[in-house]
Amino acid sequence: MSFLKLLQGEAKLIFSDIAIVLTIIGGVLFYSFLYPQPYAKESVSALSVSVVDLDRSDVSRQIIYELNATPQVDVVQVDMSQKDALEALEATNVKAIIIIPHILNAT
């Protein structure tokens, strides 16, 4: 008996039993609709962040500008050191810290 015939026979056995079909297909559909319901209203909106700009370049300023343009992120402050950002986090002025590392130019 070849592998393909064996696979075909097993598929016929699986899909001929209504209980297995309902469990496989119905269970997946049931789970996919019910599982996310408790988390439906848990979307992130206006997360206040502090950005640590260690690069201080035009590209990093553009990244900060584009971060602030998204509705999910609110850039509250731009810090030059991680210490200042950690102090703001501990004082609950911000909820997250984004660090833009210093990148050496290859040119």
Protein backbone atom coordinates (compact mmCIF):
# COMPACT_ATOMS: atom_id res chain seq x y z
CA MET A 1 0.00 0.00 0.00
CA SER A 2 1.47 3.34 -0.99
CA PHE A 3 1.63 6.35 1.25
CA LEU A 4 -0.87 8.33 -0.85
CA LYS A 5 -3.45 5.53 -0.73
CA LEU A 6 -2.98 5.25 3.02
CA LEU A 7 -3.41 9.01 3.41
CA GLN A 8 -6.51 8.97 1.21
CA GLY A 9 -8.04 6.12 3.21
CA GLU A 10 -7.43 7.88 6.51
CA ALA A 11 -8.96 11.10 5.16
CA LYS A 12 -12.09 9.17 4.11
CA LEU A 13 -12.36 7.65 7.59
CA ILE A 14 -11.90 11.01 9.30
CA PHE A 15 -14.37 12.95 7.16
CA SER A 16 -17.00 10.18 7.15
CA ASP A 17 -17.48 10.45 10.93
CA ILE A 18 -19.74 13.42 11.72
CA ALA A 19 -18.47 13.73 15.32
CA ILE A 20 -14.89 14.19 14.15
CA VAL A 21 -15.90 16.68 11.47
CA LEU A 22 -17.93 18.73 13.95
CA THR A 23 -15.07 18.68 16.43
CA ILE A 24 -12.46 19.73 13.90
CA ILE A 25 -14.40 22.32 11.92
CA GLY A 26 -17.02 23.38 14.46
CA GLY A 27 -14.52 23.54 17.29
CA VAL A 28 -12.17 25.77 15.36
CA LEU A 29 -14.98 28.14 14.34
CA PHE A 30 -16.49 28.15 17.83
CA TYR A 31 -13.11 28.81 19.44
CA SER A 32 -12.13 31.54 16.96
CA PHE A 33 -15.29 33.54 17.69
CA LEU A 34 -15.54 33.05 21.44
CA TYR A 35 -11.90 33.28 22.53
CA PRO A 36 -11.27 36.93 21.51
CA GLN A 37 -14.54 38.27 22.97
CA PRO A 38 -13.21 39.11 26.47
CA TYR A 39 -10.32 40.99 24.86
CA ALA A 40 -12.35 42.89 22.23
CA LYS A 41 -12.23 46.18 24.14
CA GLU A 42 -8.60 45.78 25.21
CA SER A 43 -7.05 47.62 22.29
CA VAL A 44 -4.16 49.98 22.83
CA SER A 45 -4.98 53.61 22.24
CA ALA A 46 -2.85 56.65 23.05
CA LEU A 47 -0.05 54.81 24.84
CA SER A 48 2.10 57.52 26.40
CA VAL A 49 5.78 56.87 25.70
CA SER A 50 9.13 58.47 26.28
CA VAL A 51 11.61 58.26 23.42
CA VAL A 52 15.32 58.14 24.24
CA ASP A 53 17.08 59.55 21.19
CA LEU A 54 20.70 58.43 21.40
CA ASP A 55 21.27 58.92 17.67
CA ARG A 56 20.17 62.58 17.41
CA SER A 57 20.02 62.45 13.63
CA ASP A 58 17.49 63.49 11.01
CA VAL A 59 16.40 59.88 10.69
CA SER A 60 15.74 59.53 14.42
CA ARG A 61 13.75 62.77 14.44
CA GLN A 62 11.69 61.42 11.53
CA ILE A 63 11.07 58.19 13.45
CA ILE A 64 9.86 60.16 16.47
CA TYR A 65 7.62 62.30 14.26
CA GLU A 66 6.08 59.23 12.63
CA LEU A 67 5.62 57.51 16.00
CA ASN A 68 3.73 60.51 17.29
CA ALA A 69 1.56 60.54 14.16
CA THR A 70 0.13 57.09 14.92
CA PRO A 71 -3.09 57.06 16.94
CA GLN A 72 -1.84 54.27 19.22
CA VAL A 73 1.28 56.12 20.43
CA ASP A 74 1.52 59.50 22.15
CA VAL A 75 5.12 60.68 22.47
CA VAL A 76 5.01 62.60 25.75
CA GLN A 77 8.69 63.42 26.00
CA VAL A 78 11.98 62.95 24.18
CA ASP A 79 14.91 62.25 26.50
CA MET A 80 18.62 62.27 25.87
CA SER A 81 19.38 59.63 28.52
CA GLN A 82 17.82 56.42 29.72
CA LYS A 83 17.96 57.68 33.30
CA ASP A 84 15.52 60.50 32.56
CA ALA A 85 13.17 58.11 30.79
CA LEU A 86 13.27 55.65 33.71
CA GLU A 87 12.46 58.46 36.13
CA ALA A 88 9.42 59.39 34.02
CA LEU A 89 8.38 55.72 33.92
CA GLU A 90 8.69 55.37 37.69
CA ALA A 91 6.72 58.59 38.19
CA THR A 92 4.03 57.07 35.90
CA ASN A 93 4.25 60.00 33.49
CA VAL A 94 4.78 57.49 30.67
CA LYS A 95 3.78 53.86 30.17
CA ALA A 96 6.66 52.76 27.93
CA ILE A 97 10.15 53.72 26.79
CA ILE A 98 11.38 53.54 23.20
CA ILE A 99 15.15 53.71 22.72
CA ILE A 100 16.65 54.78 19.39
CA PRO A 101 20.29 53.61 19.56
CA HIS A 102 23.25 55.55 18.21
CA ILE A 103 24.18 54.18 14.80
CA LEU A 104 27.54 54.99 13.31
CA ASN A 105 27.42 56.16 9.72
CA ALA A 106 29.12 53.76 7.34
CA THR A 107 30.08 56.57 4.95
